[in-house]
Structure formats: C-alpha cells, structure tokens
Amino acid sequence: MDKWRLFAPAEDWKRPIDIDETQLPFLTDLGERMGLRVGRDDLRKKLFWRMPVVQADSSGGGEGVEFPSGLWIPKAVLSEAEAARYGITGDHVAVPLLAARRTDRLSEHFTAAEFLCQDRSYSFVRVSPELVRQLERVRSELGGAAISISSGYRPPAYNRSVGGASSSTHIDGLAADISAAGIPTDELWRVCEEVIGDDGGVGYYPDQHFCHIDVRGYRSRW
C-alpha cells in the first residue's frame, strides 16, 4: 500500500504523520468537517491540513478574515447579480470575498489596494493572510526591497480575459505576481523558491521581469 504523509498543521514540515493511501478519503473528510483547509500533493504523496482563514468577528458582527496587521475585514455581502458576476472560485480552497477598503493595511508593507482586481469595476477582493505573510518574508529576505504586485485577485471572467489558466490560484485569492525594486528577476525567483518551499507555487517569468507566488498548500513550479 502506498505511503503518504500528513502535515498537520501544514507549516510543521519537520514532523509529518505517516498514513496509508486508504486513509486519504477519511482524513480529507475529517479535515473539512473540522473547518480546516485541506490540500494534497499527489506527486509527492503529501496531505496538508491548514487552519481556516475565516474567523468570527470578535465584536459578534459576523464572519471575516484577520490579517497579519491585526486588521479584521468583514466578508462581503453580495446581491444575486453581484454573486453571478464574481462567479465561482477555482480548484483550490478559496479565501472569501471581502469588503475591503483600498487603504486597509493588511501588514506592515501591504494594503488591500495592491491585491484588488485591475478592473476597478470589481470592488471586492479575495486575499489570503498567508499570502501576505509570505510576501513580507520575501521582502525581508530581499533586504527590505519594495515589492510591486502586478496582479493579485482575479475574478474568473477577468482571469479569462487576460489569458489566465482556468485553475489559476489568482481566482481564489492565493496568488500574486511580483517584482522587486532593484532586484534581478533571477534573484527574486531564488528567494521565492526558498520562502515558499513545498507549501505553494512559484512561477518564473524572466522575459516579463516578474515571479508568481501562491499559497496553494502544495508544491508547484513552472
């Protein structure tokens, strides 16, 4: 029987739990029932449990997401027409749509405006707190070089219009295309590789002078 490894939580990569392939359906269902974010890497036979990004509002006002800055942003309330326009999410565990203001500070160096869809007619955003944390790590490893985000959240229709993959992690609020001031793209790529490791995707686009990073929960490279 094929052996797999369970990483619970996903960040605890030094202490995986050995499991059998026959246990995957049970552990996947159990993780989802517990409200965890479940991911898997079939190539490397890894199953990941992550803590949920949706949290209760400490003031009792409903659901939302807390960011590294400590800011809590409420989940967006959409009309039927708005819900249809934003469409369904992709193949990964998506962050909820958030009613963020452009000036909302998600961490020390990143605001909500940097992750909003480039089509300004979309006012809500999906952005993972884990993605923001990893971007701060990349920035720190680059010696504090300013990072520019050329593409963050993409609603499905917009993603199609720019030629994005149908399974793009941008649709789920898990990805950012980035460049760094004064840093060669190959150096940025090296740092992204180190920071993301086995917990997400890294894409290298030297001709366009940017790198893609995402926090899908398993390793992917292109």
C-alpha atoms as a PDB file:
ATOM      1  CA  MET A   1       0.000   0.000   0.000  1.00  0.00           C
ATOM      2  CA  ASP A   2       1.332   3.442  -0.942  1.00  0.00           C
ATOM      3  CA  LYS A   3       2.561   5.504   1.975  1.00  0.00           C
ATOM      4  CA  TRP A   4       1.577   9.174   2.315  1.00  0.00           C
ATOM      5  CA  ARG A   5       2.473  11.846   4.850  1.00  0.00           C
ATOM      6  CA  LEU A   6       0.042  14.114   6.672  1.00  0.00           C
ATOM      7  CA  PHE A   7       1.313  17.594   7.608  1.00  0.00           C
ATOM      8  CA  ALA A   8      -0.906  18.896  10.412  1.00  0.00           C
ATOM      9  CA  PRO A   9      -0.570  21.823  10.523  1.00  0.00           C
ATOM     10  CA  ALA A  10       0.956  22.239   7.079  1.00  0.00           C
ATOM     11  CA  GLU A  11       3.641  24.543   8.463  1.00  0.00           C
ATOM     12  CA  ASP A  12       5.001  21.750  10.696  1.00  0.00           C
ATOM     13  CA  TRP A  13       7.050  20.158   7.925  1.00  0.00           C
ATOM     14  CA  LYS A  14       9.553  18.561  10.314  1.00  0.00           C
ATOM     15  CA  ARG A  15       7.000  16.256  11.946  1.00  0.00           C
ATOM     16  CA  PRO A  16       4.824  14.607   9.270  1.00  0.00           C
ATOM     17  CA  ILE A  17       2.495  11.746  10.193  1.00  0.00           C
ATOM     18  CA  ASP A  18       2.829   8.588   8.106  1.00  0.00           C
ATOM     19  CA  ILE A  19      -0.501   7.435   6.678  1.00  0.00           C
ATOM     20  CA  ASP A  20      -1.761   4.871   4.158  1.00  0.00           C
ATOM     21  CA  GLU A  21      -3.371   5.885   0.884  1.00  0.00           C
ATOM     22  CA  THR A  22      -6.562   4.141   2.034  1.00  0.00           C
ATOM     23  CA  GLN A  23      -6.884   6.761   4.803  1.00  0.00           C
ATOM     24  CA  LEU A  24      -6.970   9.736   2.410  1.00  0.00           C
ATOM     25  CA  PRO A  25     -10.781   9.915   1.942  1.00  0.00           C
ATOM     26  CA  PHE A  26     -11.369   9.715   5.702  1.00  0.00           C
ATOM     27  CA  LEU A  27      -8.696  12.283   6.606  1.00  0.00           C
ATOM     28  CA  THR A  28      -9.822  14.648   3.853  1.00  0.00           C
ATOM     29  CA  ASP A  29     -13.433  14.456   5.036  1.00  0.00           C
ATOM     30  CA  LEU A  30     -12.391  14.811   8.678  1.00  0.00           C
ATOM     31  CA  GLY A  31     -10.285  17.888   7.971  1.00  0.00           C
ATOM     32  CA  GLU A  32     -13.102  19.554   6.047  1.00  0.00           C
ATOM     33  CA  ARG A  33     -15.649  18.765   8.792  1.00  0.00           C
ATOM     34  CA  MET A  34     -13.311  20.403  11.299  1.00  0.00           C
ATOM     35  CA  GLY A  35     -13.316  23.532   9.146  1.00  0.00           C
ATOM     36  CA  LEU A  36      -9.682  23.157   8.082  1.00  0.00           C
ATOM     37  CA  ARG A  37      -8.193  23.992   4.682  1.00  0.00           C
ATOM     38  CA  VAL A  38      -7.245  20.658   3.132  1.00  0.00           C
ATOM     39  CA  GLY A  39      -4.712  20.342   0.312  1.00  0.00           C
ATOM     40  CA  ARG A  40      -2.780  17.494  -1.260  1.00  0.00           C
ATOM     41  CA  ASP A  41       0.241  16.894  -3.449  1.00  0.00           C
ATOM     42  CA  ASP A  42      -0.363  13.653  -5.348  1.00  0.00           C
ATOM     43  CA  LEU A  43       3.109  13.650  -6.911  1.00  0.00           C
ATOM     44  CA  ARG A  44       4.905  13.713  -3.571  1.00  0.00           C
ATOM     45  CA  LYS A  45       2.137  11.906  -1.667  1.00  0.00           C
ATOM     46  CA  LYS A  46       1.511  14.664   0.871  1.00  0.00           C
ATOM     47  CA  LEU A  47      -1.738  15.697   2.560  1.00  0.00           C
ATOM     48  CA  PHE A  48      -1.943  19.123   4.235  1.00  0.00           C
ATOM     49  CA  TRP A  49      -4.223  20.464   6.963  1.00  0.00           C
ATOM     50  CA  ARG A  50      -4.195  24.253   7.388  1.00  0.00           C
ATOM     51  CA  MET A  51      -6.021  26.455   9.833  1.00  0.00           C
ATOM     52  CA  PRO A  52      -9.085  28.194   8.380  1.00  0.00           C
ATOM     53  CA  VAL A  53      -8.785  31.793   7.201  1.00  0.00           C
ATOM     54  CA  VAL A  54     -12.409  32.617   8.054  1.00  0.00           C
ATOM     55  CA  GLN A  55     -12.823  33.712  11.639  1.00  0.00           C
ATOM     56  CA  ALA A  56     -15.593  35.010  13.809  1.00  0.00           C
ATOM     57  CA  ASP A  57     -15.696  38.761  14.351  1.00  0.00           C
ATOM     58  CA  SER A  58     -14.619  39.474  17.914  1.00  0.00           C
ATOM     59  CA  SER A  59     -17.404  42.034  18.164  1.00  0.00           C
ATOM     60  CA  GLY A  60     -20.032  39.479  17.169  1.00  0.00           C
ATOM     61  CA  GLY A  61     -20.687  41.088  13.785  1.00  0.00           C
ATOM     62  CA  GLY A  62     -20.321  38.002  11.591  1.00  0.00           C
ATOM     63  CA  GLU A  63     -17.605  36.369   9.522  1.00  0.00           C
ATOM     64  CA  GLY A  64     -14.439  37.811   8.111  1.00  0.00           C
ATOM     65  CA  VAL A  65     -10.683  37.423   7.877  1.00  0.00           C
ATOM     66  CA  GLU A  66      -7.923  38.657  10.178  1.00  0.00           C
ATOM     67  CA  PHE A  67      -4.657  39.791   8.582  1.00  0.00           C
ATOM     68  CA  PRO A  68      -1.085  39.971   9.921  1.00  0.00           C
ATOM     69  CA  SER A  69      -1.600  43.630  10.798  1.00  0.00           C
ATOM     70  CA  GLY A  70      -4.357  42.577  13.195  1.00  0.00           C
ATOM     71  CA  LEU A  71      -6.987  44.183  10.963  1.00  0.00           C
ATOM     72  CA  TRP A  72     -10.234  42.222  10.691  1.00  0.00           C
ATOM     73  CA  ILE A  73     -12.042  42.639   7.339  1.00  0.00           C
ATOM     74  CA  PRO A  74     -15.678  41.501   7.046  1.00  0.00           C
ATOM     75  CA  LYS A  75     -16.918  39.068   4.483  1.00  0.00           C
ATOM     76  CA  ALA A  76     -18.675  40.814   1.576  1.00  0.00           C
ATOM     77  CA  VAL A  77     -22.452  40.639   1.314  1.00  0.00           C
ATOM     78  CA  LEU A  78     -23.388  40.314  -2.363  1.00  0.00           C
ATOM     79  CA  SER A  79     -26.590  40.780  -4.250  1.00  0.00           C
ATOM     80  CA  GLU A  80     -27.648  37.975  -6.583  1.00  0.00           C
ATOM     81  CA  ALA A  81     -26.383  39.939  -9.587  1.00  0.00           C
ATOM     82  CA  GLU A  82     -23.029  40.641  -7.904  1.00  0.00           C
ATOM     83  CA  ALA A  83     -22.606  36.996  -6.932  1.00  0.00           C
ATOM     84  CA  ALA A  84     -23.176  35.955 -10.541  1.00  0.00           C
ATOM     85  CA  ARG A  85     -20.613  38.489 -11.777  1.00  0.00           C
ATOM     86  CA  TYR A  86     -17.925  37.381  -9.350  1.00  0.00           C
ATOM     87  CA  GLY A  87     -18.590  33.798 -10.377  1.00  0.00           C
ATOM     88  CA  ILE A  88     -17.405  30.617  -8.733  1.00  0.00           C
ATOM     89  CA  THR A  89     -13.936  30.029  -7.347  1.00  0.00           C
ATOM     90  CA  GLY A  90     -11.273  27.767  -8.793  1.00  0.00           C
ATOM     91  CA  ASP A  91      -9.809  24.388  -7.877  1.00  0.00           C
ATOM     92  CA  HIS A  92      -8.304  25.398  -4.528  1.00  0.00           C
ATOM     93  CA  VAL A  93      -9.612  26.340  -1.080  1.00  0.00           C
ATOM     94  CA  ALA A  94     -10.615  29.940  -1.752  1.00  0.00           C
ATOM     95  CA  VAL A  95     -10.493  32.932   0.543  1.00  0.00           C
ATOM     96  CA  PRO A  96     -13.953  34.525   0.956  1.00  0.00           C
ATOM     97  CA  LEU A  97     -14.784  37.721  -0.872  1.00  0.00           C
ATOM     98  CA  LEU A  98     -14.009  40.618   1.444  1.00  0.00           C
ATOM     99  CA  ALA A  99     -15.438  44.117   1.715  1.00  0.00           C
ATOM    100  CA  ALA A 100     -12.022  45.751   1.995  1.00  0.00           C
ATOM    101  CA  ARG A 101     -11.209  49.419   1.576  1.00  0.00           C
ATOM    102  CA  ARG A 102      -8.298  50.271  -0.668  1.00  0.00           C
ATOM    103  CA  THR A 103      -6.431  51.839   2.244  1.00  0.00           C
ATOM    104  CA  ASP A 104      -6.861  48.847   4.576  1.00  0.00           C
ATOM    105  CA  ARG A 105      -3.417  47.831   5.829  1.00  0.00           C
ATOM    106  CA  LEU A 106      -3.045  44.058   5.702  1.00  0.00           C
ATOM    107  CA  SER A 107       0.524  44.009   7.034  1.00  0.00           C
ATOM    108  CA  GLU A 108       3.358  46.435   7.634  1.00  0.00           C
ATOM    109  CA  HIS A 109       4.091  46.924   3.926  1.00  0.00           C
ATOM    110  CA  PHE A 110       0.960  45.822   2.019  1.00  0.00           C
ATOM    111  CA  THR A 111      -2.512  47.320   1.614  1.00  0.00           C
ATOM    112  CA  ALA A 112      -5.711  45.887   0.155  1.00  0.00           C
ATOM    113  CA  ALA A 113      -5.405  48.129  -2.922  1.00  0.00           C
ATOM    114  CA  GLU A 114      -2.399  46.127  -4.110  1.00  0.00           C
ATOM    115  CA  PHE A 115      -4.442  42.915  -4.363  1.00  0.00           C
ATOM    116  CA  LEU A 116      -7.650  44.284  -5.901  1.00  0.00           C
ATOM    117  CA  CYS A 117      -8.542  43.286  -9.446  1.00  0.00           C
ATOM    118  CA  GLN A 118      -7.072  45.642 -12.050  1.00  0.00           C
ATOM    119  CA  ASP A 119     -10.582  46.069 -13.433  1.00  0.00           C
ATOM    120  CA  ARG A 120     -11.801  48.704 -10.969  1.00  0.00           C
ATOM    121  CA  SER A 121     -15.428  47.715 -11.534  1.00  0.00           C
ATOM    122  CA  TYR A 122     -14.755  44.829  -9.139  1.00  0.00           C
ATOM    123  CA  SER A 123     -14.822  46.369  -5.670  1.00  0.00           C
ATOM    124  CA  PHE A 124     -14.494  43.214  -3.531  1.00  0.00           C
ATOM    125  CA  VAL A 125     -11.304  41.204  -3.144  1.00  0.00           C
ATOM    126  CA  ARG A 126     -10.018  37.779  -2.163  1.00  0.00           C
ATOM    127  CA  VAL A 127      -6.607  37.765  -0.497  1.00  0.00           C
ATOM    128  CA  SER A 128      -5.119  35.140   1.793  1.00  0.00           C
ATOM    129  CA  PRO A 129      -3.484  36.289   5.045  1.00  0.00           C
ATOM    130  CA  GLU A 130      -0.914  33.544   4.464  1.00  0.00           C
ATOM    131  CA  LEU A 131      -0.047  35.075   1.084  1.00  0.00           C
ATOM    132  CA  VAL A 132       0.508  38.437   2.779  1.00  0.00           C
ATOM    133  CA  ARG A 133       2.733  36.811   5.399  1.00  0.00           C
ATOM    134  CA  GLN A 134       4.828  35.128   2.712  1.00  0.00           C
ATOM    135  CA  LEU A 135       5.182  38.374   0.791  1.00  0.00           C
ATOM    136  CA  GLU A 136       6.509  40.026   3.927  1.00  0.00           C
ATOM    137  CA  ARG A 137       9.024  37.186   4.251  1.00  0.00           C
ATOM    138  CA  VAL A 138      10.139  37.632   0.647  1.00  0.00           C
ATOM    139  CA  ARG A 139      10.554  41.352   1.225  1.00  0.00           C
ATOM    140  CA  SER A 140      12.607  40.729   4.358  1.00  0.00           C
ATOM    141  CA  GLU A 141      14.857  38.165   2.625  1.00  0.00           C
ATOM    142  CA  LEU A 142      15.499  40.743  -0.103  1.00  0.00           C
ATOM    143  CA  GLY A 143      16.828  43.168   2.484  1.00  0.00           C
ATOM    144  CA  GLY A 144      13.658  45.241   2.630  1.00  0.00           C
ATOM    145  CA  ALA A 145      13.382  45.876  -1.118  1.00  0.00           C
ATOM    146  CA  ALA A 146       9.963  47.260  -2.041  1.00  0.00           C
ATOM    147  CA  ILE A 147       7.732  44.689  -3.752  1.00  0.00           C
ATOM    148  CA  SER A 148       5.293  45.631  -6.509  1.00  0.00           C
ATOM    149  CA  ILE A 149       2.254  43.443  -7.162  1.00  0.00           C
ATOM    150  CA  SER A 150       1.243  43.482 -10.825  1.00  0.00           C
ATOM    151  CA  SER A 151      -1.623  41.015 -10.398  1.00  0.00           C
ATOM    152  CA  GLY A 152      -3.405  39.784  -7.279  1.00  0.00           C
ATOM    153  CA  TYR A 153      -7.036  38.710  -7.139  1.00  0.00           C
ATOM    154  CA  ARG A 154      -8.720  37.918 -10.460  1.00  0.00           C
ATOM    155  CA  PRO A 155     -12.437  37.134 -10.736  1.00  0.00           C
ATOM    156  CA  PRO A 156     -12.988  34.245 -13.194  1.00  0.00           C
ATOM    157  CA  ALA A 157     -14.229  36.419 -16.085  1.00  0.00           C
ATOM    158  CA  TYR A 158     -11.316  38.820 -15.737  1.00  0.00           C
ATOM    159  CA  ASN A 159      -8.867  35.929 -15.433  1.00  0.00           C
ATOM    160  CA  ARG A 160     -10.128  34.543 -18.745  1.00  0.00           C
ATOM    161  CA  SER A 161      -9.839  37.956 -20.396  1.00  0.00           C
ATOM    162  CA  VAL A 162      -6.117  38.171 -19.567  1.00  0.00           C
ATOM    163  CA  GLY A 163      -5.399  34.603 -20.640  1.00  0.00           C
ATOM    164  CA  GLY A 164      -5.050  33.154 -17.141  1.00  0.00           C
ATOM    165  CA  ALA A 165      -5.270  29.405 -16.562  1.00  0.00           C
ATOM    166  CA  SER A 166      -8.743  28.158 -15.652  1.00  0.00           C
ATOM    167  CA  SER A 167      -7.296  26.665 -12.442  1.00  0.00           C
ATOM    168  CA  SER A 168      -5.326  29.812 -11.549  1.00  0.00           C
ATOM    169  CA  THR A 169      -4.742  30.421  -7.860  1.00  0.00           C
ATOM    170  CA  HIS A 170      -5.358  34.123  -8.580  1.00  0.00           C
ATOM    171  CA  ILE A 171      -9.081  33.267  -8.773  1.00  0.00           C
ATOM    172  CA  ASP A 172      -9.016  32.019  -5.191  1.00  0.00           C
ATOM    173  CA  GLY A 173      -7.074  34.927  -3.690  1.00  0.00           C
ATOM    174  CA  LEU A 174      -3.985  32.809  -3.093  1.00  0.00           C
ATOM    175  CA  ALA A 175      -1.524  34.325  -5.592  1.00  0.00           C
ATOM    176  CA  ALA A 176       0.427  37.424  -6.547  1.00  0.00           C
ATOM    177  CA  ASP A 177       2.674  38.292  -9.486  1.00  0.00           C
ATOM    178  CA  ILE A 178       5.523  40.355  -8.130  1.00  0.00           C
ATOM    179  CA  SER A 179       8.687  42.267  -8.913  1.00  0.00           C
ATOM    180  CA  ALA A 180      11.112  43.938  -6.514  1.00  0.00           C
ATOM    181  CA  ALA A 181      12.796  47.326  -6.813  1.00  0.00           C
ATOM    182  CA  GLY A 182      16.439  46.983  -7.849  1.00  0.00           C
ATOM    183  CA  ILE A 183      16.385  43.167  -7.642  1.00  0.00           C
ATOM    184  CA  PRO A 184      17.108  40.995 -10.726  1.00  0.00           C
ATOM    185  CA  THR A 185      14.310  38.571 -11.532  1.00  0.00           C
ATOM    186  CA  ASP A 186      16.539  35.536 -11.061  1.00  0.00           C
ATOM    187  CA  GLU A 187      17.418  36.694  -7.531  1.00  0.00           C
ATOM    188  CA  LEU A 188      13.738  37.307  -6.761  1.00  0.00           C
ATOM    189  CA  TRP A 189      12.951  33.811  -8.053  1.00  0.00           C
ATOM    190  CA  ARG A 190      15.647  32.280  -5.821  1.00  0.00           C
ATOM    191  CA  VAL A 191      14.212  33.954  -2.731  1.00  0.00           C
ATOM    192  CA  CYS A 192      10.643  32.996  -3.652  1.00  0.00           C
ATOM    193  CA  GLU A 193      11.795  29.369  -4.003  1.00  0.00           C
ATOM    194  CA  GLU A 194      13.305  29.438  -0.516  1.00  0.00           C
ATOM    195  CA  VAL A 195      10.353  31.160   1.135  1.00  0.00           C
ATOM    196  CA  ILE A 196       7.520  29.188  -0.492  1.00  0.00           C
ATOM    197  CA  GLY A 197       9.239  25.793  -0.399  1.00  0.00           C
ATOM    198  CA  ASP A 198       6.804  22.872  -0.581  1.00  0.00           C
ATOM    199  CA  ASP A 199       3.815  24.948   0.587  1.00  0.00           C
ATOM    200  CA  GLY A 200       2.906  26.645  -2.697  1.00  0.00           C
ATOM    201  CA  GLY A 201       3.647  27.556  -6.277  1.00  0.00           C
ATOM    202  CA  VAL A 202       6.416  29.615  -7.842  1.00  0.00           C
ATOM    203  CA  GLY A 203       6.465  30.719 -11.478  1.00  0.00           C
ATOM    204  CA  TYR A 204       9.494  32.300 -13.159  1.00  0.00           C
ATOM    205  CA  TYR A 205       8.900  34.862 -15.929  1.00  0.00           C
ATOM    206  CA  PRO A 206      12.294  36.414 -16.734  1.00  0.00           C
ATOM    207  CA  ASP A 207      11.158  37.936 -20.040  1.00  0.00           C
ATOM    208  CA  GLN A 208       8.339  39.808 -18.289  1.00  0.00           C
ATOM    209  CA  HIS A 209      10.530  40.558 -15.245  1.00  0.00           C
ATOM    210  CA  PHE A 210       8.278  39.085 -12.565  1.00  0.00           C
ATOM    211  CA  CYS A 211       7.684  35.984 -10.459  1.00  0.00           C
ATOM    212  CA  HIS A 212       4.415  34.355  -9.445  1.00  0.00           C
ATOM    213  CA  ILE A 213       3.983  33.046  -5.904  1.00  0.00           C
ATOM    214  CA  ASP A 214       1.000  31.325  -4.339  1.00  0.00           C
ATOM    215  CA  VAL A 215      -0.008  29.516  -1.159  1.00  0.00           C
ATOM    216  CA  ARG A 216      -1.999  26.637  -2.633  1.00  0.00           C
ATOM    217  CA  GLY A 217      -0.761  24.281   0.107  1.00  0.00           C
ATOM    218  CA  TYR A 218       1.439  22.004  -2.009  1.00  0.00           C
ATOM    219  CA  ARG A 219       4.492  22.380  -4.258  1.00  0.00           C
ATOM    220  CA  SER A 220       4.156  23.524  -7.880  1.00  0.00           C
ATOM    221  CA  ARG A 221       6.810  25.006 -10.187  1.00  0.00           C
ATOM    222  CA  TRP A 222       6.949  26.354 -13.722  1.00  0.00           C
END
